[in-house]
PDB file of N, CA and C in Angstrom:
ATOM      1  N   MET A   1     103.090  99.633 150.728  1.00  0.00           N
ATOM      2  CA  MET A   1     101.617 100.093 151.723  1.00  0.00           C
ATOM      3  C   MET A   1     100.929  99.992 150.410  1.00  0.00           C
ATOM      4  N   ILE A   2     100.113  98.853 150.186  1.00  0.00           N
ATOM      5  CA  ILE A   2      98.949  99.350 149.474  1.00  0.00           C
ATOM      6  C   ILE A   2      97.856  99.682 149.414  1.00  0.00           C
ATOM      7  N   LYS A   3      97.456 100.495 148.474  1.00  0.00           N
ATOM      8  CA  LYS A   3      96.767 101.644 148.478  1.00  0.00           C
ATOM      9  C   LYS A   3      95.819 100.901 147.737  1.00  0.00           C
ATOM     10  N   ALA A   4      94.228 102.188 148.834  1.00  0.00           N
ATOM     11  CA  ALA A   4      92.899 101.339 148.314  1.00  0.00           C
ATOM     12  C   ALA A   4      92.384 102.235 146.984  1.00  0.00           C
ATOM     13  N   THR A   5      91.682 101.452 146.315  1.00  0.00           N
ATOM     14  CA  THR A   5      90.892 101.433 145.264  1.00  0.00           C
ATOM     15  C   THR A   5      89.856 102.605 144.827  1.00  0.00           C
ATOM     16  N   ARG A   6      89.968 104.128 145.040  1.00  0.00           N
ATOM     17  CA  ARG A   6      88.598 104.933 144.337  1.00  0.00           C
ATOM     18  C   ARG A   6      87.914 104.474 143.763  1.00  0.00           C
ATOM     19  N   ILE A   7      86.155 103.744 143.739  1.00  0.00           N
ATOM     20  CA  ILE A   7      85.154 103.941 142.942  1.00  0.00           C
ATOM     21  C   ILE A   7      84.607 105.149 142.828  1.00  0.00           C
ATOM     22  N   GLN A   8      84.411 105.561 143.680  1.00  0.00           N
ATOM     23  CA  GLN A   8      83.339 106.862 143.829  1.00  0.00           C
ATOM     24  C   GLN A   8      83.661 107.179 145.043  1.00  0.00           C
ATOM     25  N   ALA A   9      83.189 108.762 145.081  1.00  0.00           N
ATOM     26  CA  ALA A   9      83.682 109.703 146.485  1.00  0.00           C
ATOM     27  C   ALA A   9      82.920 108.530 147.709  1.00  0.00           C
ATOM     28  N   GLY A  10      84.054 108.621 149.080  1.00  0.00           N
ATOM     29  CA  GLY A  10      83.393 107.753 150.084  1.00  0.00           C
ATOM     30  C   GLY A  10      83.224 106.223 149.290  1.00  0.00           C
ATOM     31  N   GLU A  11      83.780 105.631 148.361  1.00  0.00           N
ATOM     32  CA  GLU A  11      83.459 104.772 148.437  1.00  0.00           C
ATOM     33  C   GLU A  11      85.052 103.810 148.162  1.00  0.00           C
ATOM     34  N   TYR A  12      85.570 102.725 148.528  1.00  0.00           N
ATOM     35  CA  TYR A  12      86.529 102.080 148.055  1.00  0.00           C
ATOM     36  C   TYR A  12      86.900 100.694 148.227  1.00  0.00           C
ATOM     37  N   LEU A  13      87.806 100.053 147.279  1.00  0.00           N
ATOM     38  CA  LEU A  13      87.786  98.401 147.623  1.00  0.00           C
ATOM     39  C   LEU A  13      89.248  98.630 147.771  1.00  0.00           C
ATOM     40  N   TYR A  14      89.989  97.694 149.164  1.00  0.00           N
ATOM     41  CA  TYR A  14      91.051  97.137 149.573  1.00  0.00           C
ATOM     42  C   TYR A  14      90.748  96.159 149.843  1.00  0.00           C
ATOM     43  N   ARG A  15      91.820  95.614 148.737  1.00  0.00           N
ATOM     44  CA  ARG A  15      91.983  93.564 149.621  1.00  0.00           C
ATOM     45  C   ARG A  15      90.747  93.147 149.371  1.00  0.00           C
ATOM     46  N   GLY A  16      90.242  93.487 148.737  1.00  0.00           N
ATOM     47  CA  GLY A  16      89.276  93.097 148.151  1.00  0.00           C
ATOM     48  C   GLY A  16      87.898  92.689 149.133  1.00  0.00           C
ATOM     49  N   TYR A  17      88.313  93.799 149.816  1.00  0.00           N
ATOM     50  CA  TYR A  17      86.578  94.842 150.465  1.00  0.00           C
ATOM     51  C   TYR A  17      86.196  95.501 150.100  1.00  0.00           C
ATOM     52  N   HIS A  18      85.022  95.794 150.667  1.00  0.00           N
ATOM     53  CA  HIS A  18      84.421  97.214 150.112  1.00  0.00           C
ATOM     54  C   HIS A  18      84.482  97.818 151.246  1.00  0.00           C
ATOM     55  N   ILE A  19      84.707  99.021 151.737  1.00  0.00           N
ATOM     56  CA  ILE A  19      84.539  99.794 152.387  1.00  0.00           C
ATOM     57  C   ILE A  19      83.741 101.267 152.069  1.00  0.00           C
ATOM     58  N   VAL A  20      82.968 101.580 152.547  1.00  0.00           N
ATOM     59  CA  VAL A  20      82.277 102.698 152.304  1.00  0.00           C
ATOM     60  C   VAL A  20      82.155 103.599 153.671  1.00  0.00           C
ATOM     61  N   ARG A  21      82.124 105.134 153.399  1.00  0.00           N
ATOM     62  CA  ARG A  21      81.767 105.668 154.149  1.00  0.00           C
ATOM     63  C   ARG A  21      80.274 106.387 154.310  1.00  0.00           C
ATOM     64  N   ALA A  22      79.586 105.732 155.227  1.00  0.00           N
ATOM     65  CA  ALA A  22      77.981 105.651 155.296  1.00  0.00           C
ATOM     66  C   ALA A  22      77.380 107.151 155.304  1.00  0.00           C
ATOM     67  N   SER A  23      77.884 107.912 155.711  1.00  0.00           N
ATOM     68  CA  SER A  23      76.887 108.992 155.790  1.00  0.00           C
ATOM     69  C   SER A  23      76.805 109.448 154.010  1.00  0.00           C
ATOM     70  N   ASP A  24      77.906 108.945 153.354  1.00  0.00           N
ATOM     71  CA  ASP A  24      77.523 109.918 151.723  1.00  0.00           C
ATOM     72  C   ASP A  24      76.942 108.659 150.913  1.00  0.00           C
ATOM     73  N   HIS A  25      76.640 107.262 151.376  1.00  0.00           N
ATOM     74  CA  HIS A  25      75.904 106.239 150.872  1.00  0.00           C
ATOM     75  C   HIS A  25      74.875 105.952 151.729  1.00  0.00           C
ATOM     76  N   TYR A  26      74.520 105.997 153.310  1.00  0.00           N
ATOM     77  CA  TYR A  26      73.390 105.538 153.439  1.00  0.00           C
ATOM     78  C   TYR A  26      73.168 106.610 154.576  1.00  0.00           C
ATOM     79  N   ASP A  27      71.532 106.290 155.198  1.00  0.00           N
ATOM     80  CA  ASP A  27      70.887 107.569 156.059  1.00  0.00           C
ATOM     81  C   ASP A  27      71.392 107.274 157.372  1.00  0.00           C
ATOM     82  N   SER A  28      72.969 107.707 157.499  1.00  0.00           N
ATOM     83  CA  SER A  28      73.674 107.886 158.120  1.00  0.00           C
ATOM     84  C   SER A  28      73.475 109.413 158.617  1.00  0.00           C
ATOM     85  N   THR A  29      73.621 109.652 159.955  1.00  0.00           N
ATOM     86  CA  THR A  29      73.729 111.270 160.492  1.00  0.00           C
ATOM     87  C   THR A  29      75.261 111.148 160.938  1.00  0.00           C
ATOM     88  N   TYR A  30      76.151 110.301 161.233  1.00  0.00           N
ATOM     89  CA  TYR A  30      77.307 110.984 161.597  1.00  0.00           C
ATOM     90  C   TYR A  30      78.619 109.661 160.825  1.00  0.00           C
ATOM     91  N   VAL A  31      79.788 110.855 161.110  1.00  0.00           N
ATOM     92  CA  VAL A  31      80.481 109.788 159.650  1.00  0.00           C
ATOM     93  C   VAL A  31      81.232 108.159 160.399  1.00  0.00           C
ATOM     94  N   HIS A  32      80.946 107.554 159.458  1.00  0.00           N
ATOM     95  CA  HIS A  32      81.502 106.429 160.271  1.00  0.00           C
ATOM     96  C   HIS A  32      82.205 105.653 158.711  1.00  0.00           C
ATOM     97  N   TRP A  33      82.527 104.450 159.019  1.00  0.00           N
ATOM     98  CA  TRP A  33      83.531 103.657 157.397  1.00  0.00           C
ATOM     99  C   TRP A  33      82.929 102.024 157.827  1.00  0.00           C
ATOM    100  N   ASN A  34      82.061 101.604 156.656  1.00  0.00           N
ATOM    101  CA  ASN A  34      81.346 100.430 156.774  1.00  0.00           C
ATOM    102  C   ASN A  34      82.426  99.236 156.088  1.00  0.00           C
ATOM    103  N   ILE A  35      82.627  98.091 157.036  1.00  0.00           N
ATOM    104  CA  ILE A  35      83.489  96.951 155.951  1.00  0.00           C
ATOM    105  C   ILE A  35      83.132  96.018 155.456  1.00  0.00           C
ATOM    106  N   SER A  36      82.805  95.585 154.037  1.00  0.00           N
ATOM    107  CA  SER A  36      82.268  94.413 154.130  1.00  0.00           C
ATOM    108  C   SER A  36      83.355  93.473 152.852  1.00  0.00           C
ATOM    109  N   GLN A  37      82.712  92.663 152.966  1.00  0.00           N
ATOM    110  CA  GLN A  37      83.460  91.467 152.134  1.00  0.00           C
ATOM    111  C   GLN A  37      82.205  90.477 151.060  1.00  0.00           C
ATOM    112  N   TRP A  38      83.256  89.941 150.281  1.00  0.00           N
ATOM    113  CA  TRP A  38      81.713  89.107 149.059  1.00  0.00           C
ATOM    114  C   TRP A  38      81.523  88.161 149.389  1.00  0.00           C
ATOM    115  N   GLU A  39      80.218  87.694 150.161  1.00  0.00           N
ATOM    116  CA  GLU A  39      79.561  86.077 150.259  1.00  0.00           C
ATOM    117  C   GLU A  39      78.906  85.271 149.026  1.00  0.00           C
ATOM    118  N   GLU A  40      79.412  84.732 148.402  1.00  0.00           N
ATOM    119  CA  GLU A  40      78.411  83.395 147.543  1.00  0.00           C
ATOM    120  C   GLU A  40      77.363  83.275 147.621  1.00  0.00           C
ATOM    121  N   ASN A  41      76.183  83.481 147.345  1.00  0.00           N
ATOM    122  CA  ASN A  41      74.901  82.854 147.410  1.00  0.00           C
ATOM    123  C   ASN A  41      74.433  82.314 146.450  1.00  0.00           C
ATOM    124  N   THR A  42      73.824  81.152 146.666  1.00  0.00           N
ATOM    125  CA  THR A  42      73.443  80.442 145.351  1.00  0.00           C
ATOM    126  C   THR A  42      72.487  80.935 145.021  1.00  0.00           C
ATOM    127  N   LEU A  43      71.480  81.533 146.251  1.00  0.00           N
ATOM    128  CA  LEU A  43      69.921  82.358 145.301  1.00  0.00           C
ATOM    129  C   LEU A  43      70.111  83.556 144.979  1.00  0.00           C
ATOM    130  N   THR A  44      71.122  84.487 145.227  1.00  0.00           N
ATOM    131  CA  THR A  44      71.272  85.403 144.818  1.00  0.00           C
ATOM    132  C   THR A  44      72.779  86.004 143.550  1.00  0.00           C
ATOM    133  N   GLY A  45      73.298  84.722 143.902  1.00  0.00           N
ATOM    134  CA  GLY A  45      75.046  85.372 143.320  1.00  0.00           C
ATOM    135  C   GLY A  45      75.509  85.607 144.621  1.00  0.00           C
ATOM    136  N   GLY A  46      75.040  86.452 145.481  1.00  0.00           N
ATOM    137  CA  GLY A  46      75.841  87.037 145.911  1.00  0.00           C
ATOM    138  C   GLY A  46      75.816  88.275 146.277  1.00  0.00           C
ATOM    139  N   ASP A  47      76.365  88.895 147.527  1.00  0.00           N
ATOM    140  CA  ASP A  47      76.012  90.364 148.027  1.00  0.00           C
ATOM    141  C   ASP A  47      77.045  90.956 149.300  1.00  0.00           C
ATOM    142  N   TRP A  48      77.247  92.211 149.427  1.00  0.00           N
ATOM    143  CA  TRP A  48      78.487  92.097 150.172  1.00  0.00           C
ATOM    144  C   TRP A  48      77.867  92.128 151.681  1.00  0.00           C
ATOM    145  N   TYR A  49      78.658  91.540 152.742  1.00  0.00           N
ATOM    146  CA  TYR A  49      78.583  91.062 153.903  1.00  0.00           C
ATOM    147  C   TYR A  49      79.074  92.296 155.110  1.00  0.00           C
ATOM    148  N   THR A  50      78.625  92.866 155.617  1.00  0.00           N
ATOM    149  CA  THR A  50      78.943  93.726 156.003  1.00  0.00           C
ATOM    150  C   THR A  50      79.179  93.686 158.003  1.00  0.00           C
ATOM    151  N   PHE A  51      80.808  93.505 158.074  1.00  0.00           N
ATOM    152  CA  PHE A  51      81.024  92.435 158.775  1.00  0.00           C
ATOM    153  C   PHE A  51      81.622  93.920 160.512  1.00  0.00           C
ATOM    154  N   ASP A  52      81.950  94.671 159.771  1.00  0.00           N
ATOM    155  CA  ASP A  52      82.312  95.500 160.777  1.00  0.00           C
ATOM    156  C   ASP A  52      82.456  97.189 160.619  1.00  0.00           C
ATOM    157  N   SER A  53      82.748  98.318 161.393  1.00  0.00           N
ATOM    158  CA  SER A  53      82.389  99.942 160.841  1.00  0.00           C
ATOM    159  C   SER A  53      83.606 100.289 162.213  1.00  0.00           C
ATOM    160  N   THR A  54      84.393 101.833 161.583  1.00  0.00           N
ATOM    161  CA  THR A  54      84.931 102.356 162.067  1.00  0.00           C
ATOM    162  C   THR A  54      84.942 103.794 161.902  1.00  0.00           C
ATOM    163  N   ASN A  55      85.725 104.634 162.473  1.00  0.00           N
ATOM    164  CA  ASN A  55      85.800 106.070 162.555  1.00  0.00           C
ATOM    165  C   ASN A  55      86.005 106.716 161.131  1.00  0.00           C
ATOM    166  N   THR A  56      87.191 105.814 160.679  1.00  0.00           N
ATOM    167  CA  THR A  56      88.287 106.391 159.917  1.00  0.00           C
ATOM    168  C   THR A  56      88.544 105.419 158.295  1.00  0.00           C
ATOM    169  N   LEU A  57      88.709 106.068 157.216  1.00  0.00           N
ATOM    170  CA  LEU A  57      88.984 104.807 156.228  1.00  0.00           C
ATOM    171  C   LEU A  57      90.345 104.441 156.932  1.00  0.00           C
ATOM    172  N   ALA A  58      91.879 104.709 157.564  1.00  0.00           N
ATOM    173  CA  ALA A  58      92.519 104.208 157.646  1.00  0.00           C
ATOM    174  C   ALA A  58      92.527 103.140 158.865  1.00  0.00           C
ATOM    175  N   ASP A  59      91.848 103.503 159.566  1.00  0.00           N
ATOM    176  CA  ASP A  59      91.555 101.820 160.429  1.00  0.00           C
ATOM    177  C   ASP A  59      90.979 101.298 160.186  1.00  0.00           C
ATOM    178  N   ALA A  60      90.052 101.793 158.686  1.00  0.00           N
ATOM    179  CA  ALA A  60      89.046 100.223 158.249  1.00  0.00           C
ATOM    180  C   ALA A  60      90.706  99.475 157.656  1.00  0.00           C
ATOM    181  N   LYS A  61      91.459 100.329 156.924  1.00  0.00           N
ATOM    182  CA  LYS A  61      91.941  99.387 156.210  1.00  0.00           C
ATOM    183  C   LYS A  61      92.930  98.697 157.758  1.00  0.00           C
ATOM    184  N   TRP A  62      92.878  99.130 158.080  1.00  0.00           N
ATOM    185  CA  TRP A  62      93.758  98.324 158.837  1.00  0.00           C
ATOM    186  C   TRP A  62      93.140  97.106 160.293  1.00  0.00           C
ATOM    187  N   ILE A  63      91.761  96.998 160.203  1.00  0.00           N
ATOM    188  CA  ILE A  63      90.600  95.885 160.164  1.00  0.00           C
ATOM    189  C   ILE A  63      91.120  95.251 159.311  1.00  0.00           C
ATOM    190  N   VAL A  64      91.219  95.458 157.894  1.00  0.00           N
ATOM    191  CA  VAL A  64      91.180  94.498 157.421  1.00  0.00           C
ATOM    192  C   VAL A  64      92.136  93.670 156.500  1.00  0.00           C
ATOM    193  N   ASP A  65      93.221  94.212 156.521  1.00  0.00           N
ATOM    194  CA  ASP A  65      94.512  94.104 157.224  1.00  0.00           C
ATOM    195  C   ASP A  65      94.990  92.697 158.431  1.00  0.00           C
ATOM    196  N   GLY A  66      93.767  93.135 159.582  1.00  0.00           N
ATOM    197  CA  GLY A  66      94.435  92.085 159.886  1.00  0.00           C
ATOM    198  C   GLY A  66      93.615  91.310 160.162  1.00  0.00           C
ATOM    199  N   SER A  67      92.099  91.246 159.261  1.00  0.00           N
ATOM    200  CA  SER A  67      91.292  89.871 159.070  1.00  0.00           C
ATOM    201  C   SER A  67      91.844  88.779 158.327  1.00  0.00           C
ATOM    202  N   ILE A  68      92.988  89.946 157.429  1.00  0.00           N
ATOM    203  CA  ILE A  68      93.589  89.175 156.389  1.00  0.00           C
ATOM    204  C   ILE A  68      95.274  88.294 157.039  1.00  0.00           C
ATOM    205  N   ALA A  69      95.433  88.458 157.909  1.00  0.00           N
ATOM    206  CA  ALA A  69      96.650  88.650 158.577  1.00  0.00           C
ATOM    207  C   ALA A  69      96.071  87.084 159.302  1.00  0.00           C
ATOM    208  N   MET A  70      94.813  86.878 159.803  1.00  0.00           N
ATOM    209  CA  MET A  70      94.086  86.187 160.811  1.00  0.00           C
ATOM    210  C   MET A  70      93.658  85.067 159.624  1.00  0.00           C
ATOM    211  N   LYS A  71      93.607  85.162 158.441  1.00  0.00           N
ATOM    212  CA  LYS A  71      92.960  84.538 157.774  1.00  0.00           C
ATOM    213  C   LYS A  71      93.988  82.739 157.663  1.00  0.00           C
ATOM    214  N   GLU A  72      94.935  84.027 157.270  1.00  0.00           N
ATOM    215  CA  GLU A  72      96.739  83.558 156.610  1.00  0.00           C
ATOM    216  C   GLU A  72      96.844  82.409 157.824  1.00  0.00           C
ATOM    217  N   VAL A  73      96.913  82.692 159.323  1.00  0.00           N
ATOM    218  CA  VAL A  73      97.382  82.238 160.166  1.00  0.00           C
ATOM    219  C   VAL A  73      97.053  80.730 160.103  1.00  0.00           C
ATOM    220  N   ALA A  74      95.293  80.951 159.962  1.00  0.00           N
ATOM    221  CA  ALA A  74      94.505  79.448 160.332  1.00  0.00           C
ATOM    222  C   ALA A  74      94.557  78.270 159.312  1.00  0.00           C
TER     223      ALA A  74
END
């Protein structure tokens, strides 16, 4: 099992994806986890693009694993 690398409280890197607990880092009134991936941009150099959110860190890791598996099949 691959572990998520903790950056700080509520913020992790997992298999190249950025997972953030929104209530810790954004103005959010309920706990959910945003899942982002890096996208290159010729103007800014790049930025994190949030493509999904879920209720738990475990669910966020499951979504990342599924996203990577789909890319490997394609």
